[in-house]
């Protein structure tokens, strides 16, 4: 399904070959070889996963032995402070090393999205679909970074805008997903989904997940949604426990605009509804609010060290 192509019968072989060439060119844009030898790094550590900073110090030592420098940030830093940090040392930073799990990677992606500095995750968590390197592979990974032997994969992000009475109240980005769920009483939500201005479906459900291909292995997978190669360009809609016998995820183009409109049920006060961006930033919603989701102009650059493809990684993670 992902990355497949079909030559329509009335097209010439040359036309089909032109389309294949376009596909190959698009893939080159998404995955590019290491552009330079890396000399300065920012290290972001999830302190609860490395409380004594033992692993962080080990990474510092490995970099120092290779004549590379680094700045370490081991405590949670507000996004506004990150802007000042990146303004100060962003130009000389070649990569961001993220020590933690997928949640740490998602937070780092949001906080540093404007910088376009590529990130490499070192897994201190459990499954770690976003974290490329395990602890026992740190030394080899650093060797490759300082030698310029790596690839960078650009992952699409989502832009979510909250509208209330026709006015935009808030805007946030997400690498994995934007979810609309209950945060209080266990009641179903009533909402409508519009795609490019046309009503697609009305749901009675516990919620809805709008995911990127990167986020397909997260909440989307737990809710029965499809798994998608992370370099693909599409948006996934997966309902959470819908009150219907015919529940299906919907796969849309990355260029589509999705609007989720909250519907209030007559005679009942609707409270405890929220939009959540990558499981971190929560925004309370009210009846008739709209969440408009589009492909973000921002991307997250993920460093790839391993030659293993998505299916290889998926098989290994699911077998652990």
Protein backbone atom coordinates (compact mmCIF):
# COMPACT_ATOMS: atom_id res chain seq x y z
CA UNK A 1 0.00 0.00 0.00
CA UNK A 2 2.67 2.50 1.02
CA UNK A 3 4.98 3.58 -1.77
CA UNK A 4 3.11 1.51 -4.39
CA UNK A 5 2.36 2.91 -7.83
CA UNK A 6 -0.02 1.95 -10.64
CA UNK A 7 0.41 2.78 -14.33
CA UNK A 8 -2.99 3.65 -15.76
CA UNK A 9 -3.78 1.70 -18.92
CA UNK A 10 -3.94 4.66 -21.30
CA UNK A 11 -0.60 6.10 -20.19
CA UNK A 12 2.49 5.47 -22.25
CA UNK A 13 5.52 3.55 -20.82
CA UNK A 14 7.50 6.79 -20.98
CA UNK A 15 4.85 8.55 -18.91
CA UNK A 16 4.98 5.79 -16.30
CA UNK A 17 8.78 5.98 -16.19
CA UNK A 18 8.52 9.74 -15.64
CA UNK A 19 6.26 9.07 -12.64
CA UNK A 20 8.75 6.51 -11.29
CA UNK A 21 11.56 9.04 -11.60
CA UNK A 22 9.44 11.58 -9.72
CA UNK A 23 8.88 9.05 -6.95
CA UNK A 24 12.62 8.38 -6.68
CA UNK A 25 13.34 12.11 -6.54
CA UNK A 26 10.77 12.57 -3.77
CA UNK A 27 12.43 9.78 -1.79
CA UNK A 28 15.78 11.52 -2.12
CA UNK A 29 14.28 14.63 -0.60
CA UNK A 30 12.97 12.72 2.41
CA UNK A 31 16.17 10.73 3.07
CA UNK A 32 19.52 12.41 2.53
CA UNK A 33 23.08 11.37 3.26
CA UNK A 34 25.07 12.98 6.03
CA UNK A 35 26.05 16.43 4.84
CA UNK A 36 28.95 17.10 7.19
CA UNK A 37 31.14 15.75 9.94
CA UNK A 38 29.55 16.61 13.28
CA UNK A 39 31.54 18.48 15.90
CA UNK A 40 29.10 20.09 18.35
CA UNK A 41 26.03 18.49 19.93
CA UNK A 42 23.18 19.38 22.22
CA UNK A 43 22.29 16.55 24.62
CA UNK A 44 18.74 16.40 25.99
CA UNK A 45 18.38 13.89 28.82
CA UNK A 46 15.22 12.58 30.43
CA UNK A 47 16.41 12.90 34.03
CA UNK A 48 14.05 10.27 35.54
CA UNK A 49 15.46 7.69 33.08
CA UNK A 50 19.07 8.67 33.84
CA UNK A 51 18.81 10.02 37.41
CA UNK A 52 22.55 9.95 38.16
CA UNK A 53 23.41 11.12 34.62
CA UNK A 54 25.65 8.09 34.25
CA UNK A 55 24.71 7.50 30.62
CA UNK A 56 24.83 11.23 29.86
CA UNK A 57 28.38 11.46 31.20
CA UNK A 58 29.35 8.43 29.14
CA UNK A 59 28.09 10.14 25.99
CA UNK A 60 30.04 13.29 26.93
CA UNK A 61 33.21 11.23 27.36
CA UNK A 62 32.75 9.50 24.02
CA UNK A 63 32.33 12.88 22.29
CA UNK A 64 35.33 14.39 24.06
CA UNK A 65 37.56 11.46 23.01
CA UNK A 66 36.60 12.28 19.41
CA UNK A 67 37.36 16.01 19.75
CA UNK A 68 33.67 16.91 19.70
CA UNK A 69 31.94 19.30 22.12
CA UNK A 70 28.47 19.27 23.64
CA UNK A 71 25.99 21.18 25.80
CA UNK A 72 23.85 19.16 28.22
CA UNK A 73 20.26 19.92 29.26
CA UNK A 74 19.01 17.35 31.76
CA UNK A 75 16.05 19.20 33.26
CA UNK A 76 12.73 20.06 31.65
CA UNK A 77 13.02 23.42 29.93
CA UNK A 78 10.09 25.64 28.83
CA UNK A 79 9.68 26.11 25.08
CA UNK A 80 10.40 29.85 25.33
CA UNK A 81 13.73 29.07 26.98
CA UNK A 82 14.54 26.65 24.17
CA UNK A 83 14.12 29.49 21.70
CA UNK A 84 16.81 31.45 23.54
CA UNK A 85 19.11 28.41 23.74
CA UNK A 86 18.80 27.70 20.02
CA UNK A 87 19.29 31.36 19.18
CA UNK A 88 22.50 31.28 21.20
CA UNK A 89 24.05 28.04 19.95
CA UNK A 90 21.83 26.72 17.17
CA UNK A 91 24.15 27.81 14.34
CA UNK A 92 27.07 25.80 15.66
CA UNK A 93 25.06 22.72 16.66
CA UNK A 94 25.26 19.81 14.24
CA UNK A 95 22.85 17.42 16.00
CA UNK A 96 20.69 16.92 19.06
CA UNK A 97 21.21 13.69 21.00
CA UNK A 98 18.06 12.73 22.89
CA UNK A 99 18.52 10.33 25.82
CA UNK A 100 15.18 8.84 26.85
CA UNK A 101 12.20 7.20 25.21
CA UNK A 102 9.76 8.15 22.48
CA UNK A 103 8.07 10.69 24.77
CA UNK A 104 11.38 12.51 25.21
CA UNK A 105 11.89 12.50 21.44
CA UNK A 106 8.41 13.94 20.84
CA UNK A 107 8.96 16.72 23.36
CA UNK A 108 12.37 17.54 21.87
CA UNK A 109 10.86 17.58 18.37
CA UNK A 110 8.23 20.14 19.40
CA UNK A 111 10.64 22.30 21.37
CA UNK A 112 13.29 22.46 18.63
CA UNK A 113 11.15 22.19 15.47
CA UNK A 114 12.00 25.70 14.28
CA UNK A 115 15.75 24.99 14.31
CA UNK A 116 15.71 22.07 11.82
CA UNK A 117 18.66 20.55 13.68
CA UNK A 118 18.59 16.75 13.15
CA UNK A 119 17.98 14.52 16.16
CA UNK A 120 19.26 11.10 17.16
CA UNK A 121 17.46 9.19 19.89
CA UNK A 122 19.28 6.93 22.35
CA UNK A 123 16.72 4.59 23.87
CA UNK A 124 16.47 4.55 27.66
CA UNK A 125 12.79 3.59 27.56
CA UNK A 126 10.91 0.47 26.46
CA UNK A 127 9.96 -0.09 22.80
CA UNK A 128 11.36 3.13 21.37
CA UNK A 129 10.16 3.33 17.76
CA UNK A 130 11.58 6.85 17.41
CA UNK A 131 14.82 6.23 19.28
CA UNK A 132 17.31 4.84 16.78
CA UNK A 133 20.10 3.61 19.07
CA UNK A 134 20.14 1.27 22.07
CA UNK A 135 22.55 1.89 24.96
CA UNK A 136 24.97 -0.77 23.79
CA UNK A 137 25.23 0.91 20.40
CA UNK A 138 26.10 4.43 21.58
CA UNK A 139 29.82 4.28 20.79
CA UNK A 140 29.33 3.05 17.23
CA UNK A 141 26.63 5.68 16.63
CA UNK A 142 28.87 8.51 17.81
CA UNK A 143 31.71 7.21 15.63
CA UNK A 144 29.40 7.42 12.62
CA UNK A 145 28.19 10.91 13.48
CA UNK A 146 31.66 12.41 13.82
CA UNK A 147 32.72 10.63 10.61
CA UNK A 148 29.70 11.87 8.63
CA UNK A 149 28.45 8.30 8.05
CA UNK A 150 24.70 8.70 8.59
CA UNK A 151 21.45 9.61 6.87
CA UNK A 152 18.79 12.17 7.75
CA UNK A 153 15.10 11.42 7.26
CA UNK A 154 12.60 14.28 7.26
CA UNK A 155 9.32 13.35 8.97
CA UNK A 156 6.10 15.25 8.36
CA UNK A 157 4.37 16.98 11.27
CA UNK A 158 0.80 18.13 11.87
CA UNK A 159 -0.43 21.63 12.58
CA UNK A 160 -3.51 21.82 14.80
CA UNK A 161 -5.55 25.00 15.28
CA UNK A 162 -8.31 25.40 17.86
CA UNK A 163 -11.20 27.62 16.71
CA UNK A 164 -13.90 28.98 19.01
CA UNK A 165 -16.75 31.06 17.59
CA UNK A 166 -14.79 31.54 14.38
CA UNK A 167 -11.63 32.83 16.07
CA UNK A 168 -8.41 30.88 16.41
CA UNK A 169 -7.59 30.40 20.09
CA UNK A 170 -4.44 28.30 19.88
CA UNK A 171 -2.05 26.61 17.45
CA UNK A 172 0.31 23.71 18.12
CA UNK A 173 2.32 21.19 16.14
CA UNK A 174 2.68 17.44 16.59
CA UNK A 175 5.06 14.81 15.23
CA UNK A 176 3.00 11.77 16.29
CA UNK A 177 -0.64 12.67 16.64
CA UNK A 178 -3.39 15.02 17.71
CA UNK A 179 -6.12 13.33 19.74
CA UNK A 180 -9.55 14.50 20.86
CA UNK A 181 -10.79 12.60 23.90
CA UNK A 182 -12.54 12.85 27.27
CA UNK A 183 -10.47 13.78 30.31
CA UNK A 184 -13.21 13.33 32.91
CA UNK A 185 -16.42 11.29 32.93
CA UNK A 186 -16.54 8.14 30.81
CA UNK A 187 -19.03 9.44 28.29
CA UNK A 188 -18.96 9.24 24.54
CA UNK A 189 -18.09 12.26 22.45
CA UNK A 190 -20.26 13.51 19.62
CA UNK A 191 -18.32 15.04 16.76
CA UNK A 192 -18.35 15.56 13.02
CA UNK A 193 -15.40 15.13 10.66
CA UNK A 194 -15.06 17.40 7.63
CA UNK A 195 -12.43 16.88 4.94
CA UNK A 196 -11.73 19.82 2.63
CA UNK A 197 -15.00 21.41 3.70
CA UNK A 198 -17.23 18.37 3.09
CA UNK A 199 -18.83 16.30 5.84
CA UNK A 200 -17.18 12.88 5.95
CA UNK A 201 -18.82 11.25 8.97
CA UNK A 202 -20.45 11.89 12.33
CA UNK A 203 -19.15 9.80 15.21
CA UNK A 204 -20.29 8.74 18.67
CA UNK A 205 -17.01 7.52 20.15
CA UNK A 206 -14.54 7.85 22.99
CA UNK A 207 -12.40 10.01 20.76
CA UNK A 208 -10.53 10.39 17.49
CA UNK A 209 -6.82 10.13 16.63
CA UNK A 210 -5.32 12.17 13.80
CA UNK A 211 -1.88 10.66 13.22
CA UNK A 212 1.14 11.06 10.99
CA UNK A 213 2.93 8.02 9.53
CA UNK A 214 5.48 8.45 12.33
CA UNK A 215 2.63 8.30 14.86
CA UNK A 216 1.08 5.19 13.30
CA UNK A 217 3.01 2.98 15.76
CA UNK A 218 1.70 4.91 18.79
CA UNK A 219 -1.85 5.43 20.05
CA UNK A 220 -3.10 4.83 16.51
CA UNK A 221 -1.76 1.26 16.58
CA UNK A 222 -3.26 0.61 20.02
CA UNK A 223 -6.66 1.73 18.69
CA UNK A 224 -6.45 -0.69 15.76
CA UNK A 225 -5.21 1.78 13.15
CA UNK A 226 -2.90 0.89 10.24
CA UNK A 227 0.89 0.86 10.43
CA UNK A 228 2.51 3.12 7.85
CA UNK A 229 6.12 3.54 6.73
CA UNK A 230 7.25 6.72 8.55
CA UNK A 231 8.63 8.45 5.45
CA UNK A 232 5.21 8.41 3.74
CA UNK A 233 3.11 11.55 3.26
CA UNK A 234 -0.43 10.95 4.55
CA UNK A 235 -2.76 11.60 7.47
CA UNK A 236 -4.51 8.81 9.39
CA UNK A 237 -7.90 9.12 11.10
CA UNK A 238 -8.65 6.42 13.66
CA UNK A 239 -11.76 6.53 15.91
CA UNK A 240 -11.37 5.37 19.51
CA UNK A 241 -14.04 2.84 20.52
CA UNK A 242 -16.78 4.13 18.18
CA UNK A 243 -20.37 3.06 18.92
CA UNK A 244 -20.83 1.23 15.64
CA UNK A 245 -20.38 -2.23 14.13
CA UNK A 246 -18.48 -0.77 11.17
CA UNK A 247 -15.36 0.91 12.46
CA UNK A 248 -12.55 1.71 10.06
CA UNK A 249 -9.55 3.99 9.98
CA UNK A 250 -9.42 6.46 7.10
CA UNK A 251 -6.21 7.33 5.22
CA UNK A 252 -6.09 10.80 3.66
CA UNK A 253 -3.64 12.78 1.57
CA UNK A 254 -1.15 14.94 3.40
CA UNK A 255 -2.57 17.94 1.50
CA UNK A 256 -6.08 17.49 2.94
CA UNK A 257 -7.58 19.74 5.63
CA UNK A 258 -9.43 17.93 8.44
CA UNK A 259 -11.89 19.69 10.72
CA UNK A 260 -13.24 18.03 13.85
CA UNK A 261 -16.36 19.81 15.11
CA UNK A 262 -17.53 19.06 18.64
CA UNK A 263 -21.31 18.57 18.92
CA UNK A 264 -23.13 19.21 22.18
CA UNK A 265 -25.90 16.79 23.13
CA UNK A 266 -29.19 18.43 24.04
CA UNK A 267 -29.94 18.50 27.76
CA UNK A 268 -26.43 17.55 28.84
CA UNK A 269 -23.57 19.76 29.92
CA UNK A 270 -20.48 18.89 27.90
CA UNK A 271 -17.28 19.22 29.92
CA UNK A 272 -13.96 17.45 30.09
CA UNK A 273 -13.23 17.39 26.36
CA UNK A 274 -9.68 18.11 25.25
CA UNK A 275 -7.36 18.13 22.29
CA UNK A 276 -3.96 16.65 23.06
CA UNK A 277 -0.82 17.25 21.00
CA UNK A 278 1.68 14.37 21.12
CA UNK A 279 0.38 13.32 24.52
CA UNK A 280 1.78 16.44 26.17
CA UNK A 281 0.03 19.72 25.40
CA UNK A 282 -3.68 19.58 26.35
CA UNK A 283 -6.25 22.16 25.29
CA UNK A 284 -9.78 22.13 26.74
CA UNK A 285 -12.61 22.13 24.20
CA UNK A 286 -16.27 23.13 24.35
CA UNK A 287 -19.29 22.29 22.16
CA UNK A 288 -19.11 23.84 18.67
CA UNK A 289 -15.33 24.24 18.94
CA UNK A 290 -13.40 23.15 15.87
CA UNK A 291 -9.99 21.53 15.61
CA UNK A 292 -8.48 22.15 12.19
CA UNK A 293 -5.62 19.85 11.26
CA UNK A 294 -3.29 20.19 8.28
CA UNK A 295 0.20 19.11 7.33
CA UNK A 296 2.65 21.46 9.07
CA UNK A 297 5.23 23.45 7.13
CA UNK A 298 7.68 22.22 9.78
CA UNK A 299 9.38 18.83 9.65
CA UNK A 300 11.39 16.83 12.15
CA UNK A 301 14.78 15.62 10.94
CA UNK A 302 15.63 12.18 12.33
CA UNK A 303 19.17 10.80 12.04
CA UNK A 304 19.38 7.22 10.78
CA UNK A 305 22.42 5.16 11.72
CA UNK A 306 21.16 1.63 11.12
CA UNK A 307 20.68 0.14 7.67
CA UNK A 308 17.56 -1.67 8.89
CA UNK A 309 14.32 -0.64 7.20
CA UNK A 310 10.95 0.07 8.79
CA UNK A 311 9.71 -3.52 8.51
CA UNK A 312 12.92 -4.85 10.09
CA UNK A 313 12.57 -2.44 13.01
CA UNK A 314 8.87 -3.23 13.35
CA UNK A 315 9.57 -6.96 13.46
CA UNK A 316 12.29 -6.54 16.08
CA UNK A 317 10.23 -4.23 18.31
CA UNK A 318 7.11 -6.39 18.12
CA UNK A 319 9.16 -9.49 18.96
CA UNK A 320 10.81 -8.01 22.09
